[in-house]
C-alpha cells in the first residue's frame, strides 16, 4: 500500500488519542514514549494525580482571591510526567517522546533525567 502513516505520525496520533482522556476543560495534552525498537513504552495525558477524583480539585486557571491553591496548576500532572510514570517495565532511556505540545521546563527536566533522547512535539497550535 503506497499511503500509510509514518512511524512519527502514528506515535503522534497515539499522543493525540491519549489527550482525549484529559478532563481539563482548557487544554488536553497527550504524550507517548517509544523505544528504539518502535514499541510503545508509556502513554499519558494531563490530569490530577492517580486516585484524586476529577471533581475534588479546581480546574480553574485563575483564582478569585489570587490563591494559587484555588487553581489547577498546583495539582495537575502533565502528560509527559504521566507517560514516564505510567511506563511499562522497560527503560525509557534512549527512547523518543511524542507530545501534543512543547514541553514546559519542569517536564523537560524530567525527560532529560529519564534518559529520553528525542522529543517530537506538535507545532500546529
PDB file of N, CA and C in Angstrom:
ATOM      1  N   UNK A   1       0.847  -1.176   0.000  1.00  0.00           N
ATOM      2  CA  UNK A   1       0.000   0.000   0.000  1.00  0.00           C
ATOM      3  C   UNK A   1       0.889   1.234   0.000  1.00  0.00           C
ATOM      4  N   UNK A   2       0.722   2.120  -0.912  1.00  0.00           N
ATOM      5  CA  UNK A   2       1.635   3.264  -1.004  1.00  0.00           C
ATOM      6  C   UNK A   2       1.405   4.345   0.054  1.00  0.00           C
ATOM      7  N   UNK A   3       0.191   4.489   0.562  1.00  0.00           N
ATOM      8  CA  UNK A   3      -0.087   5.569   1.522  1.00  0.00           C
ATOM      9  C   UNK A   3      -0.460   4.981   2.873  1.00  0.00           C
ATOM     10  N   UNK A   4       0.408   5.146   3.820  1.00  0.00           N
ATOM     11  CA  UNK A   4       0.156   4.710   5.189  1.00  0.00           C
ATOM     12  C   UNK A   4       0.892   5.661   6.121  1.00  0.00           C
ATOM     13  N   UNK A   5       0.550   5.609   7.390  1.00  0.00           N
ATOM     14  CA  UNK A   5       1.159   6.517   8.365  1.00  0.00           C
ATOM     15  C   UNK A   5       2.638   6.213   8.562  1.00  0.00           C
ATOM     16  N   UNK A   6       3.429   7.266   8.625  1.00  0.00           N
ATOM     17  CA  UNK A   6       4.830   7.104   9.029  1.00  0.00           C
ATOM     18  C   UNK A   6       4.845   6.761  10.517  1.00  0.00           C
ATOM     19  N   UNK A   7       5.977   6.265  11.001  1.00  0.00           N
ATOM     20  CA  UNK A   7       6.081   5.973  12.429  1.00  0.00           C
ATOM     21  C   UNK A   7       5.839   7.227  13.261  1.00  0.00           C
ATOM     22  N   UNK A   8       6.428   8.354  12.855  1.00  0.00           N
ATOM     23  CA  UNK A   8       6.236   9.598  13.608  1.00  0.00           C
ATOM     24  C   UNK A   8       4.770  10.001  13.656  1.00  0.00           C
ATOM     25  N   UNK A   9       4.073   9.911  12.530  1.00  0.00           N
ATOM     26  CA  UNK A   9       2.646  10.255  12.503  1.00  0.00           C
ATOM     27  C   UNK A   9       1.831   9.293  13.358  1.00  0.00           C
ATOM     28  N   UNK A  10       2.187   8.018  13.325  1.00  0.00           N
ATOM     29  CA  UNK A  10       1.490   7.016  14.125  1.00  0.00           C
ATOM     30  C   UNK A  10       1.626   7.326  15.619  1.00  0.00           C
ATOM     31  N   UNK A  11       2.851   7.561  16.079  1.00  0.00           N
ATOM     32  CA  UNK A  11       3.067   7.807  17.506  1.00  0.00           C
ATOM     33  C   UNK A  11       2.482   9.147  17.948  1.00  0.00           C
ATOM     34  N   UNK A  12       2.517  10.150  17.075  1.00  0.00           N
ATOM     35  CA  UNK A  12       1.876  11.420  17.415  1.00  0.00           C
ATOM     36  C   UNK A  12       0.362  11.230  17.492  1.00  0.00           C
ATOM     37  N   UNK A  13      -0.189  10.378  16.642  1.00  0.00           N
ATOM     38  CA  UNK A  13      -1.627  10.080  16.705  1.00  0.00           C
ATOM     39  C   UNK A  13      -1.985   9.417  18.028  1.00  0.00           C
ATOM     40  N   UNK A  14      -1.121   8.540  18.523  1.00  0.00           N
ATOM     41  CA  UNK A  14      -1.341   7.916  19.836  1.00  0.00           C
ATOM     42  C   UNK A  14      -1.326   8.988  20.925  1.00  0.00           C
ATOM     43  N   UNK A  15      -0.420   9.949  20.820  1.00  0.00           N
ATOM     44  CA  UNK A  15      -0.374  11.048  21.795  1.00  0.00           C
ATOM     45  C   UNK A  15      -1.672  11.852  21.750  1.00  0.00           C
ATOM     46  N   UNK A  16      -2.161  12.165  20.544  1.00  0.00           N
ATOM     47  CA  UNK A  16      -3.419  12.912  20.431  1.00  0.00           C
ATOM     48  C   UNK A  16      -4.600  12.099  20.949  1.00  0.00           C
ATOM     49  N   UNK A  17      -4.605  10.801  20.719  1.00  0.00           N
ATOM     50  CA  UNK A  17      -5.670   9.950  21.250  1.00  0.00           C
ATOM     51  C   UNK A  17      -5.628   9.940  22.778  1.00  0.00           C
ATOM     52  N   UNK A  18      -4.434   9.863  23.349  1.00  0.00           N
ATOM     53  CA  UNK A  18      -4.288   9.900  24.811  1.00  0.00           C
ATOM     54  C   UNK A  18      -4.797  11.213  25.383  1.00  0.00           C
ATOM     55  N   UNK A  19      -4.565  12.311  24.666  1.00  0.00           N
ATOM     56  CA  UNK A  19      -5.028  13.630  25.129  1.00  0.00           C
ATOM     57  C   UNK A  19      -6.539  13.661  25.308  1.00  0.00           C
ATOM     58  N   UNK A  20      -7.249  12.845  24.554  1.00  0.00           N
ATOM     59  CA  UNK A  20      -8.709  12.824  24.651  1.00  0.00           C
ATOM     60  C   UNK A  20      -9.201  12.302  25.998  1.00  0.00           C
ATOM     61  N   UNK A  21      -8.326  11.669  26.784  1.00  0.00           N
ATOM     62  CA  UNK A  21      -8.693  11.191  28.120  1.00  0.00           C
ATOM     63  C   UNK A  21      -8.656  12.306  29.168  1.00  0.00           C
ATOM     64  N   UNK A  22      -8.017  13.431  28.854  1.00  0.00           N
ATOM     65  CA  UNK A  22      -7.888  14.520  29.820  1.00  0.00           C
ATOM     66  C   UNK A  22      -9.251  15.136  30.130  1.00  0.00           C
ATOM     67  N   UNK A  23      -9.470  15.418  31.407  1.00  0.00           N
ATOM     68  CA  UNK A  23     -10.711  16.082  31.839  1.00  0.00           C
ATOM     69  C   UNK A  23     -10.539  17.591  31.916  1.00  0.00           C
ATOM     70  N   UNK A  24      -9.341  18.089  31.650  1.00  0.00           N
ATOM     71  CA  UNK A  24      -9.066  19.524  31.720  1.00  0.00           C
ATOM     72  C   UNK A  24      -9.930  20.254  30.697  1.00  0.00           C
ATOM     73  N   UNK A  25     -10.767  21.195  31.140  1.00  0.00           N
ATOM     74  CA  UNK A  25     -11.651  21.890  30.198  1.00  0.00           C
ATOM     75  C   UNK A  25     -10.922  22.891  29.301  1.00  0.00           C
ATOM     76  N   UNK A  26      -9.691  23.257  29.642  1.00  0.00           N
ATOM     77  CA  UNK A  26      -8.961  24.277  28.884  1.00  0.00           C
ATOM     78  C   UNK A  26      -7.949  23.713  27.904  1.00  0.00           C
ATOM     79  N   UNK A  27      -7.246  22.680  28.284  1.00  0.00           N
ATOM     80  CA  UNK A  27      -6.176  22.154  27.432  1.00  0.00           C
ATOM     81  C   UNK A  27      -6.050  20.655  27.647  1.00  0.00           C
ATOM     82  N   UNK A  28      -6.056  19.922  26.556  1.00  0.00           N
ATOM     83  CA  UNK A  28      -5.886  18.475  26.604  1.00  0.00           C
ATOM     84  C   UNK A  28      -4.544  18.147  25.940  1.00  0.00           C
ATOM     85  N   UNK A  29      -3.651  17.553  26.713  1.00  0.00           N
ATOM     86  CA  UNK A  29      -2.309  17.234  26.229  1.00  0.00           C
ATOM     87  C   UNK A  29      -2.087  15.738  26.374  1.00  0.00           C
ATOM     88  N   UNK A  30      -1.459  15.144  25.374  1.00  0.00           N
ATOM     89  CA  UNK A  30      -1.136  13.725  25.405  1.00  0.00           C
ATOM     90  C   UNK A  30       0.327  13.495  25.098  1.00  0.00           C
ATOM     91  N   UNK A  31       0.844  12.352  25.570  1.00  0.00           N
ATOM     92  CA  UNK A  31       2.245  12.004  25.339  1.00  0.00           C
ATOM     93  C   UNK A  31       2.372  10.505  25.120  1.00  0.00           C
ATOM     94  N   UNK A  32       3.345  10.127  24.310  1.00  0.00           N
ATOM     95  CA  UNK A  32       3.622   8.725  24.003  1.00  0.00           C
ATOM     96  C   UNK A  32       5.138   8.542  23.979  1.00  0.00           C
ATOM     97  N   UNK A  33       5.643   7.592  24.768  1.00  0.00           N
ATOM     98  CA  UNK A  33       7.075   7.295  24.790  1.00  0.00           C
ATOM     99  C   UNK A  33       7.306   6.015  23.999  1.00  0.00           C
ATOM    100  N   UNK A  34       8.302   6.067  23.129  1.00  0.00           N
ATOM    101  CA  UNK A  34       8.588   4.961  22.221  1.00  0.00           C
ATOM    102  C   UNK A  34      10.048   4.551  22.368  1.00  0.00           C
ATOM    103  N   UNK A  35      10.284   3.242  22.410  1.00  0.00           N
ATOM    104  CA  UNK A  35      11.650   2.734  22.479  1.00  0.00           C
ATOM    105  C   UNK A  35      12.322   2.720  21.118  1.00  0.00           C
ATOM    106  N   UNK A  36      13.601   2.398  21.126  1.00  0.00           N
ATOM    107  CA  UNK A  36      14.379   2.364  19.884  1.00  0.00           C
ATOM    108  C   UNK A  36      13.827   1.352  18.885  1.00  0.00           C
ATOM    109  N   UNK A  37      13.141   0.338  19.394  1.00  0.00           N
ATOM    110  CA  UNK A  37      12.594  -0.716  18.535  1.00  0.00           C
ATOM    111  C   UNK A  37      11.176  -0.409  18.050  1.00  0.00           C
ATOM    112  N   UNK A  38      10.729   0.832  18.215  1.00  0.00           N
ATOM    113  CA  UNK A  38       9.412   1.306  17.766  1.00  0.00           C
ATOM    114  C   UNK A  38       8.256   0.704  18.566  1.00  0.00           C
ATOM    115  N   UNK A  39       8.514   0.253  19.780  1.00  0.00           N
ATOM    116  CA  UNK A  39       7.452  -0.233  20.659  1.00  0.00           C
ATOM    117  C   UNK A  39       7.065   0.868  21.634  1.00  0.00           C
ATOM    118  N   UNK A  40       5.771   0.996  21.898  1.00  0.00           N
ATOM    119  CA  UNK A  40       5.279   1.999  22.841  1.00  0.00           C
ATOM    120  C   UNK A  40       5.606   1.547  24.263  1.00  0.00           C
ATOM    121  N   UNK A  41       6.265   2.422  25.011  1.00  0.00           N
ATOM    122  CA  UNK A  41       6.679   2.111  26.381  1.00  0.00           C
ATOM    123  C   UNK A  41       5.774   2.746  27.426  1.00  0.00           C
ATOM    124  N   UNK A  42       5.129   3.859  27.081  1.00  0.00           N
ATOM    125  CA  UNK A  42       4.261   4.541  28.033  1.00  0.00           C
ATOM    126  C   UNK A  42       3.442   5.609  27.346  1.00  0.00           C
ATOM    127  N   UNK A  43       2.260   5.863  27.885  1.00  0.00           N
ATOM    128  CA  UNK A  43       1.405   6.948  27.399  1.00  0.00           C
ATOM    129  C   UNK A  43       0.888   7.721  28.603  1.00  0.00           C
ATOM    130  N   UNK A  44       0.512   8.966  28.383  1.00  0.00           N
ATOM    131  CA  UNK A  44      -0.021   9.776  29.466  1.00  0.00           C
ATOM    132  C   UNK A  44      -0.780  10.966  28.929  1.00  0.00           C
ATOM    133  N   UNK A  45      -1.549  11.578  29.805  1.00  0.00           N
ATOM    134  CA  UNK A  45      -2.294  12.799  29.487  1.00  0.00           C
ATOM    135  C   UNK A  45      -2.330  13.656  30.738  1.00  0.00           C
ATOM    136  N   UNK A  46      -2.651  14.938  30.569  1.00  0.00           N
ATOM    137  CA  UNK A  46      -2.669  15.837  31.721  1.00  0.00           C
ATOM    138  C   UNK A  46      -3.921  15.595  32.562  1.00  0.00           C
ATOM    139  N   UNK A  47      -3.719  15.561  33.875  1.00  0.00           N
ATOM    140  CA  UNK A  47      -4.837  15.348  34.784  1.00  0.00           C
ATOM    141  C   UNK A  47      -4.361  15.331  36.226  1.00  0.00           C
ATOM    142  N   UNK A  48      -5.309  15.168  37.124  1.00  0.00           N
ATOM    143  CA  UNK A  48      -4.978  15.123  38.543  1.00  0.00           C
ATOM    144  C   UNK A  48      -4.250  13.820  38.876  1.00  0.00           C
ATOM    145  N   UNK A  49      -3.516  13.790  39.983  1.00  0.00           N
ATOM    146  CA  UNK A  49      -2.789  12.579  40.360  1.00  0.00           C
ATOM    147  C   UNK A  49      -3.721  11.375  40.511  1.00  0.00           C
ATOM    148  N   UNK A  50      -3.162  10.220  40.280  1.00  0.00           N
ATOM    149  CA  UNK A  50      -3.908   8.966  40.384  1.00  0.00           C
ATOM    150  C   UNK A  50      -4.607   8.894  41.740  1.00  0.00           C
ATOM    151  N   UNK A  51      -5.864   8.532  41.721  1.00  0.00           N
ATOM    152  CA  UNK A  51      -6.639   8.397  42.948  1.00  0.00           C
ATOM    153  C   UNK A  51      -7.403   9.641  43.357  1.00  0.00           C
ATOM    154  N   UNK A  52      -7.096  10.789  42.760  1.00  0.00           N
ATOM    155  CA  UNK A  52      -7.821  12.029  43.072  1.00  0.00           C
ATOM    156  C   UNK A  52      -9.039  12.132  42.160  1.00  0.00           C
ATOM    157  N   UNK A  53     -10.235  12.227  42.727  1.00  0.00           N
ATOM    158  CA  UNK A  53     -11.419  12.390  41.880  1.00  0.00           C
ATOM    159  C   UNK A  53     -11.331  13.673  41.056  1.00  0.00           C
ATOM    160  N   UNK A  54     -11.822  13.622  39.838  1.00  0.00           N
ATOM    161  CA  UNK A  54     -11.725  14.768  38.928  1.00  0.00           C
ATOM    162  C   UNK A  54     -12.506  15.982  39.399  1.00  0.00           C
ATOM    163  N   UNK A  55     -13.427  15.795  40.331  1.00  0.00           N
ATOM    164  CA  UNK A  55     -14.210  16.933  40.824  1.00  0.00           C
ATOM    165  C   UNK A  55     -13.769  17.390  42.220  1.00  0.00           C
ATOM    166  N   UNK A  56     -12.680  16.826  42.740  1.00  0.00           N
ATOM    167  CA  UNK A  56     -12.238  17.160  44.096  1.00  0.00           C
ATOM    168  C   UNK A  56     -11.303  18.366  44.141  1.00  0.00           C
ATOM    169  N   UNK A  57     -10.712  18.702  43.011  1.00  0.00           N
ATOM    170  CA  UNK A  57      -9.746  19.798  42.951  1.00  0.00           C
ATOM    171  C   UNK A  57     -10.172  20.773  41.862  1.00  0.00           C
ATOM    172  N   UNK A  58      -9.676  22.006  41.910  1.00  0.00           N
ATOM    173  CA  UNK A  58     -10.123  23.010  40.935  1.00  0.00           C
ATOM    174  C   UNK A  58      -9.490  22.812  39.555  1.00  0.00           C
ATOM    175  N   UNK A  59     -10.282  23.082  38.512  1.00  0.00           N
ATOM    176  CA  UNK A  59      -9.776  23.094  37.137  1.00  0.00           C
ATOM    177  C   UNK A  59      -9.528  24.528  36.666  1.00  0.00           C
ATOM    178  N   UNK A  60      -9.715  25.502  37.530  1.00  0.00           N
ATOM    179  CA  UNK A  60      -9.604  26.915  37.151  1.00  0.00           C
ATOM    180  C   UNK A  60      -8.175  27.301  36.809  1.00  0.00           C
ATOM    181  N   UNK A  61      -8.052  28.233  35.858  1.00  0.00           N
ATOM    182  CA  UNK A  61      -6.747  28.792  35.516  1.00  0.00           C
ATOM    183  C   UNK A  61      -6.412  29.990  36.401  1.00  0.00           C
ATOM    184  N   UNK A  62      -7.441  30.643  36.942  1.00  0.00           N
ATOM    185  CA  UNK A  62      -7.251  31.819  37.802  1.00  0.00           C
ATOM    186  C   UNK A  62      -8.097  31.667  39.053  1.00  0.00           C
ATOM    187  N   UNK A  63      -7.637  32.324  40.117  1.00  0.00           N
ATOM    188  CA  UNK A  63      -8.349  32.311  41.385  1.00  0.00           C
ATOM    189  C   UNK A  63      -8.955  33.686  41.640  1.00  0.00           C
ATOM    190  N   UNK A  64     -10.147  33.712  42.183  1.00  0.00           N
ATOM    191  CA  UNK A  64     -10.784  34.986  42.530  1.00  0.00           C
ATOM    192  C   UNK A  64     -10.010  35.702  43.633  1.00  0.00           C
ATOM    193  N   UNK A  65      -9.314  34.938  44.480  1.00  0.00           N
ATOM    194  CA  UNK A  65      -8.572  35.506  45.613  1.00  0.00           C
ATOM    195  C   UNK A  65      -7.070  35.569  45.367  1.00  0.00           C
ATOM    196  N   UNK A  66      -6.624  35.313  44.168  1.00  0.00           N
ATOM    197  CA  UNK A  66      -5.193  35.207  43.858  1.00  0.00           C
ATOM    198  C   UNK A  66      -4.509  34.131  44.699  1.00  0.00           C
ATOM    199  N   UNK A  67      -5.250  33.098  45.048  1.00  0.00           N
ATOM    200  CA  UNK A  67      -4.712  31.976  45.809  1.00  0.00           C
ATOM    201  C   UNK A  67      -4.323  30.869  44.829  1.00  0.00           C
ATOM    202  N   UNK A  68      -3.028  30.568  44.697  1.00  0.00           N
ATOM    203  CA  UNK A  68      -2.616  29.550  43.727  1.00  0.00           C
ATOM    204  C   UNK A  68      -3.179  28.162  44.023  1.00  0.00           C
ATOM    205  N   UNK A  69      -3.577  27.908  45.264  1.00  0.00           N
ATOM    206  CA  UNK A  69      -4.153  26.608  45.603  1.00  0.00           C
ATOM    207  C   UNK A  69      -5.593  26.470  45.124  1.00  0.00           C
ATOM    208  N   UNK A  70      -6.165  27.565  44.619  1.00  0.00           N
ATOM    209  CA  UNK A  70      -7.514  27.518  44.052  1.00  0.00           C
ATOM    210  C   UNK A  70      -7.478  27.398  42.529  1.00  0.00           C
ATOM    211  N   UNK A  71      -6.301  27.098  41.984  1.00  0.00           N
ATOM    212  CA  UNK A  71      -6.160  26.885  40.543  1.00  0.00           C
ATOM    213  C   UNK A  71      -5.656  25.465  40.290  1.00  0.00           C
ATOM    214  N   UNK A  72      -5.732  25.051  39.047  1.00  0.00           N
ATOM    215  CA  UNK A  72      -5.309  23.701  38.678  1.00  0.00           C
ATOM    216  C   UNK A  72      -3.794  23.510  38.735  1.00  0.00           C
ATOM    217  N   UNK A  73      -3.037  24.589  38.660  1.00  0.00           N
ATOM    218  CA  UNK A  73      -1.586  24.493  38.483  1.00  0.00           C
ATOM    219  C   UNK A  73      -0.864  23.793  39.631  1.00  0.00           C
ATOM    220  N   UNK A  74      -1.410  23.857  40.814  1.00  0.00           N
ATOM    221  CA  UNK A  74      -0.769  23.197  41.957  1.00  0.00           C
ATOM    222  C   UNK A  74      -1.005  21.688  41.961  1.00  0.00           C
ATOM    223  N   UNK A  75      -1.921  21.212  41.138  1.00  0.00           N
ATOM    224  CA  UNK A  75      -2.351  19.820  41.242  1.00  0.00           C
ATOM    225  C   UNK A  75      -2.171  18.979  39.979  1.00  0.00           C
ATOM    226  N   UNK A  76      -2.305  19.573  38.814  1.00  0.00           N
ATOM    227  CA  UNK A  76      -2.322  18.801  37.566  1.00  0.00           C
ATOM    228  C   UNK A  76      -0.945  18.212  37.268  1.00  0.00           C
ATOM    229  N   UNK A  77      -0.933  16.934  36.929  1.00  0.00           N
ATOM    230  CA  UNK A  77       0.271  16.263  36.441  1.00  0.00           C
ATOM    231  C   UNK A  77       0.262  16.358  34.919  1.00  0.00           C
ATOM    232  N   UNK A  78       1.361  16.773  34.346  1.00  0.00           N
ATOM    233  CA  UNK A  78       1.445  16.935  32.900  1.00  0.00           C
ATOM    234  C   UNK A  78       1.536  15.581  32.197  1.00  0.00           C
ATOM    235  N   UNK A  79       1.179  15.581  30.926  1.00  0.00           N
ATOM    236  CA  UNK A  79       1.163  14.359  30.122  1.00  0.00           C
ATOM    237  C   UNK A  79       2.530  13.685  30.091  1.00  0.00           C
ATOM    238  N   UNK A  80       3.590  14.473  29.969  1.00  0.00           N
ATOM    239  CA  UNK A  80       4.939  13.917  29.900  1.00  0.00           C
ATOM    240  C   UNK A  80       5.285  13.171  31.189  1.00  0.00           C
ATOM    241  N   UNK A  81       4.957  13.785  32.331  1.00  0.00           N
ATOM    242  CA  UNK A  81       5.203  13.149  33.623  1.00  0.00           C
ATOM    243  C   UNK A  81       4.422  11.845  33.729  1.00  0.00           C
ATOM    244  N   UNK A  82       3.154  11.885  33.350  1.00  0.00           N
ATOM    245  CA  UNK A  82       2.335  10.680  33.436  1.00  0.00           C
ATOM    246  C   UNK A  82       2.837   9.582  32.510  1.00  0.00           C
ATOM    247  N   UNK A  83       3.294   9.931  31.318  1.00  0.00           N
ATOM    248  CA  UNK A  83       3.827   8.916  30.405  1.00  0.00           C
ATOM    249  C   UNK A  83       5.065   8.249  31.008  1.00  0.00           C
ATOM    250  N   UNK A  84       5.934   9.040  31.625  1.00  0.00           N
ATOM    251  CA  UNK A  84       7.135   8.482  32.256  1.00  0.00           C
ATOM    252  C   UNK A  84       6.742   7.606  33.444  1.00  0.00           C
ATOM    253  N   UNK A  85       5.823   8.078  34.270  1.00  0.00           N
ATOM    254  CA  UNK A  85       5.421   7.325  35.463  1.00  0.00           C
ATOM    255  C   UNK A  85       4.588   6.092  35.123  1.00  0.00           C
ATOM    256  N   UNK A  86       3.852   6.129  34.015  1.00  0.00           N
ATOM    257  CA  UNK A  86       2.982   5.016  33.616  1.00  0.00           C
ATOM    258  C   UNK A  86       3.667   4.047  32.663  1.00  0.00           C
ATOM    259  N   UNK A  87       4.961   4.184  32.487  1.00  0.00           N
ATOM    260  CA  UNK A  87       5.665   3.329  31.526  1.00  0.00           C
ATOM    261  C   UNK A  87       5.574   1.863  31.940  1.00  0.00           C
ATOM    262  N   UNK A  88       5.761   0.983  30.948  1.00  0.00           N
ATOM    263  CA  UNK A  88       5.810  -0.439  31.285  1.00  0.00           C
ATOM    264  C   UNK A  88       7.153  -0.733  31.947  1.00  0.00           C
ATOM    265  N   UNK A  89       7.500  -1.974  32.116  1.00  0.00           N
ATOM    266  CA  UNK A  89       8.719  -2.304  32.867  1.00  0.00           C
ATOM    267  C   UNK A  89      10.009  -2.003  32.105  1.00  0.00           C
ATOM    268  N   UNK A  90       9.926  -1.721  30.814  1.00  0.00           N
ATOM    269  CA  UNK A  90      11.130  -1.412  30.028  1.00  0.00           C
ATOM    270  C   UNK A  90      11.635  -0.010  30.360  1.00  0.00           C
ATOM    271  N   UNK A  91      12.914   0.186  30.205  1.00  0.00           N
ATOM    272  CA  UNK A  91      13.508   1.505  30.423  1.00  0.00           C
ATOM    273  C   UNK A  91      13.169   2.429  29.260  1.00  0.00           C
ATOM    274  N   UNK A  92      12.907   3.691  29.573  1.00  0.00           N
ATOM    275  CA  UNK A  92      12.648   4.686  28.524  1.00  0.00           C
ATOM    276  C   UNK A  92      13.942   5.349  28.059  1.00  0.00           C
ATOM    277  N   UNK A  93      15.061   5.037  28.696  1.00  0.00           N
ATOM    278  CA  UNK A  93      16.346   5.635  28.329  1.00  0.00           C
ATOM    279  C   UNK A  93      16.657   5.338  26.868  1.00  0.00           C
ATOM    280  N   UNK A  94      17.024   6.380  26.147  1.00  0.00           N
ATOM    281  CA  UNK A  94      17.336   6.244  24.731  1.00  0.00           C
ATOM    282  C   UNK A  94      16.123   6.324  23.830  1.00  0.00           C
ATOM    283  N   UNK A  95      14.940   6.448  24.419  1.00  0.00           N
ATOM    284  CA  UNK A  95      13.702   6.472  23.645  1.00  0.00           C
ATOM    285  C   UNK A  95      13.335   7.853  23.141  1.00  0.00           C
ATOM    286  N   UNK A  96      12.146   7.922  22.548  1.00  0.00           N
ATOM    287  CA  UNK A  96      11.607   9.170  21.997  1.00  0.00           C
ATOM    288  C   UNK A  96      10.283   9.487  22.672  1.00  0.00           C
ATOM    289  N   UNK A  97      10.036  10.765  22.869  1.00  0.00           N
ATOM    290  CA  UNK A  97       8.775  11.240  23.438  1.00  0.00           C
ATOM    291  C   UNK A  97       8.021  12.005  22.364  1.00  0.00           C
ATOM    292  N   UNK A  98       6.787  11.602  22.108  1.00  0.00           N
ATOM    293  CA  UNK A  98       5.889  12.316  21.202  1.00  0.00           C
ATOM    294  C   UNK A  98       4.853  12.998  22.078  1.00  0.00           C
ATOM    295  N   UNK A  99       4.713  14.308  21.941  1.00  0.00           N
ATOM    296  CA  UNK A  99       3.816  15.069  22.813  1.00  0.00           C
ATOM    297  C   UNK A  99       3.074  16.107  21.982  1.00  0.00           C
ATOM    298  N   UNK A 100       1.830  16.378  22.359  1.00  0.00           N
ATOM    299  CA  UNK A 100       0.963  17.231  21.543  1.00  0.00           C
ATOM    300  C   UNK A 100       1.237  18.714  21.688  1.00  0.00           C
ATOM    301  N   UNK A 101       2.140  19.106  22.569  1.00  0.00           N
ATOM    302  CA  UNK A 101       2.576  20.499  22.648  1.00  0.00           C
ATOM    303  C   UNK A 101       3.989  20.551  23.215  1.00  0.00           C
ATOM    304  N   UNK A 102       4.622  21.688  23.063  1.00  0.00           N
ATOM    305  CA  UNK A 102       6.000  21.859  23.517  1.00  0.00           C
ATOM    306  C   UNK A 102       6.078  21.653  25.031  1.00  0.00           C
ATOM    307  N   UNK A 103       6.999  20.828  25.524  1.00  0.00           N
ATOM    308  CA  UNK A 103       7.093  20.574  26.964  1.00  0.00           C
ATOM    309  C   UNK A 103       7.530  21.810  27.759  1.00  0.00           C
ATOM    310  N   UNK A 104       6.981  21.936  28.954  1.00  0.00           N
ATOM    311  CA  UNK A 104       7.390  23.017  29.855  1.00  0.00           C
ATOM    312  C   UNK A 104       8.782  22.704  30.417  1.00  0.00           C
ATOM    313  N   UNK A 105       9.365  23.649  31.137  1.00  0.00           N
ATOM    314  CA  UNK A 105      10.709  23.457  31.705  1.00  0.00           C
ATOM    315  C   UNK A 105      10.765  22.292  32.686  1.00  0.00           C
ATOM    316  N   UNK A 106       9.741  22.153  33.537  1.00  0.00           N
ATOM    317  CA  UNK A 106       9.735  21.060  34.514  1.00  0.00           C
ATOM    318  C   UNK A 106       9.689  19.708  33.815  1.00  0.00           C
ATOM    319  N   UNK A 107       8.864  19.593  32.782  1.00  0.00           N
ATOM    320  CA  UNK A 107       8.782  18.331  32.048  1.00  0.00           C
ATOM    321  C   UNK A 107      10.062  18.067  31.271  1.00  0.00           C
ATOM    322  N   UNK A 108      10.676  19.118  30.742  1.00  0.00           N
ATOM    323  CA  UNK A 108      11.945  18.946  30.026  1.00  0.00           C
ATOM    324  C   UNK A 108      12.993  18.337  30.958  1.00  0.00           C
ATOM    325  N   UNK A 109      13.017  18.790  32.214  1.00  0.00           N
ATOM    326  CA  UNK A 109      13.968  18.227  33.174  1.00  0.00           C
ATOM    327  C   UNK A 109      13.666  16.754  33.446  1.00  0.00           C
ATOM    328  N   UNK A 110      12.390  16.405  33.581  1.00  0.00           N
ATOM    329  CA  UNK A 110      12.008  15.003  33.786  1.00  0.00           C
ATOM    330  C   UNK A 110      12.423  14.140  32.602  1.00  0.00           C
ATOM    331  N   UNK A 111      12.204  14.653  31.405  1.00  0.00           N
ATOM    332  CA  UNK A 111      12.557  13.925  30.184  1.00  0.00           C
ATOM    333  C   UNK A 111      14.063  13.664  30.148  1.00  0.00           C
ATOM    334  N   UNK A 112      14.848  14.677  30.471  1.00  0.00           N
ATOM    335  CA  UNK A 112      16.306  14.518  30.487  1.00  0.00           C
ATOM    336  C   UNK A 112      16.718  13.498  31.542  1.00  0.00           C
ATOM    337  N   UNK A 113      16.163  13.618  32.747  1.00  0.00           N
ATOM    338  CA  UNK A 113      16.510  12.694  33.832  1.00  0.00           C
ATOM    339  C   UNK A 113      16.115  11.255  33.510  1.00  0.00           C
ATOM    340  N   UNK A 114      15.043  11.069  32.736  1.00  0.00           N
ATOM    341  CA  UNK A 114      14.600   9.727  32.356  1.00  0.00           C
ATOM    342  C   UNK A 114      15.481   9.130  31.264  1.00  0.00           C
ATOM    343  N   UNK A 115      16.323   9.953  30.643  1.00  0.00           N
ATOM    344  CA  UNK A 115      17.215   9.457  29.602  1.00  0.00           C
ATOM    345  C   UNK A 115      16.609   9.445  28.214  1.00  0.00           C
ATOM    346  N   UNK A 116      15.456  10.080  28.059  1.00  0.00           N
ATOM    347  CA  UNK A 116      14.820  10.159  26.739  1.00  0.00           C
ATOM    348  C   UNK A 116      15.691  11.045  25.853  1.00  0.00           C
ATOM    349  N   UNK A 117      15.977  10.571  24.651  1.00  0.00           N
ATOM    350  CA  UNK A 117      16.950  11.244  23.782  1.00  0.00           C
ATOM    351  C   UNK A 117      16.328  12.114  22.703  1.00  0.00           C
ATOM    352  N   UNK A 118      15.037  11.964  22.434  1.00  0.00           N
ATOM    353  CA  UNK A 118      14.401  12.741  21.363  1.00  0.00           C
ATOM    354  C   UNK A 118      13.011  13.168  21.814  1.00  0.00           C
ATOM    355  N   UNK A 119      12.657  14.409  21.527  1.00  0.00           N
ATOM    356  CA  UNK A 119      11.309  14.912  21.789  1.00  0.00           C
ATOM    357  C   UNK A 119      10.736  15.400  20.465  1.00  0.00           C
ATOM    358  N   UNK A 120       9.554  14.874  20.134  1.00  0.00           N
ATOM    359  CA  UNK A 120       8.832  15.300  18.935  1.00  0.00           C
ATOM    360  C   UNK A 120       7.542  15.926  19.428  1.00  0.00           C
ATOM    361  N   UNK A 121       7.311  17.184  19.097  1.00  0.00           N
ATOM    362  CA  UNK A 121       6.099  17.860  19.557  1.00  0.00           C
ATOM    363  C   UNK A 121       5.350  18.434  18.370  1.00  0.00           C
ATOM    364  N   UNK A 122       4.054  18.628  18.559  1.00  0.00           N
ATOM    365  CA  UNK A 122       3.186  19.149  17.510  1.00  0.00           C
ATOM    366  C   UNK A 122       3.294  20.665  17.488  1.00  0.00           C
ATOM    367  N   UNK A 123       3.521  21.224  16.314  1.00  0.00           N
ATOM    368  CA  UNK A 123       3.726  22.666  16.176  1.00  0.00           C
ATOM    369  C   UNK A 123       2.473  23.426  15.803  1.00  0.00           C
ATOM    370  N   UNK A 124       1.399  22.746  15.474  1.00  0.00           N
ATOM    371  CA  UNK A 124       0.247  23.397  14.870  1.00  0.00           C
ATOM    372  C   UNK A 124      -0.639  24.203  15.785  1.00  0.00           C
ATOM    373  N   UNK A 125      -0.292  24.366  17.056  1.00  0.00           N
ATOM    374  CA  UNK A 125      -1.171  25.091  17.979  1.00  0.00           C
ATOM    375  C   UNK A 125      -0.755  26.523  18.106  1.00  0.00           C
TER     376      UNK A 125
END
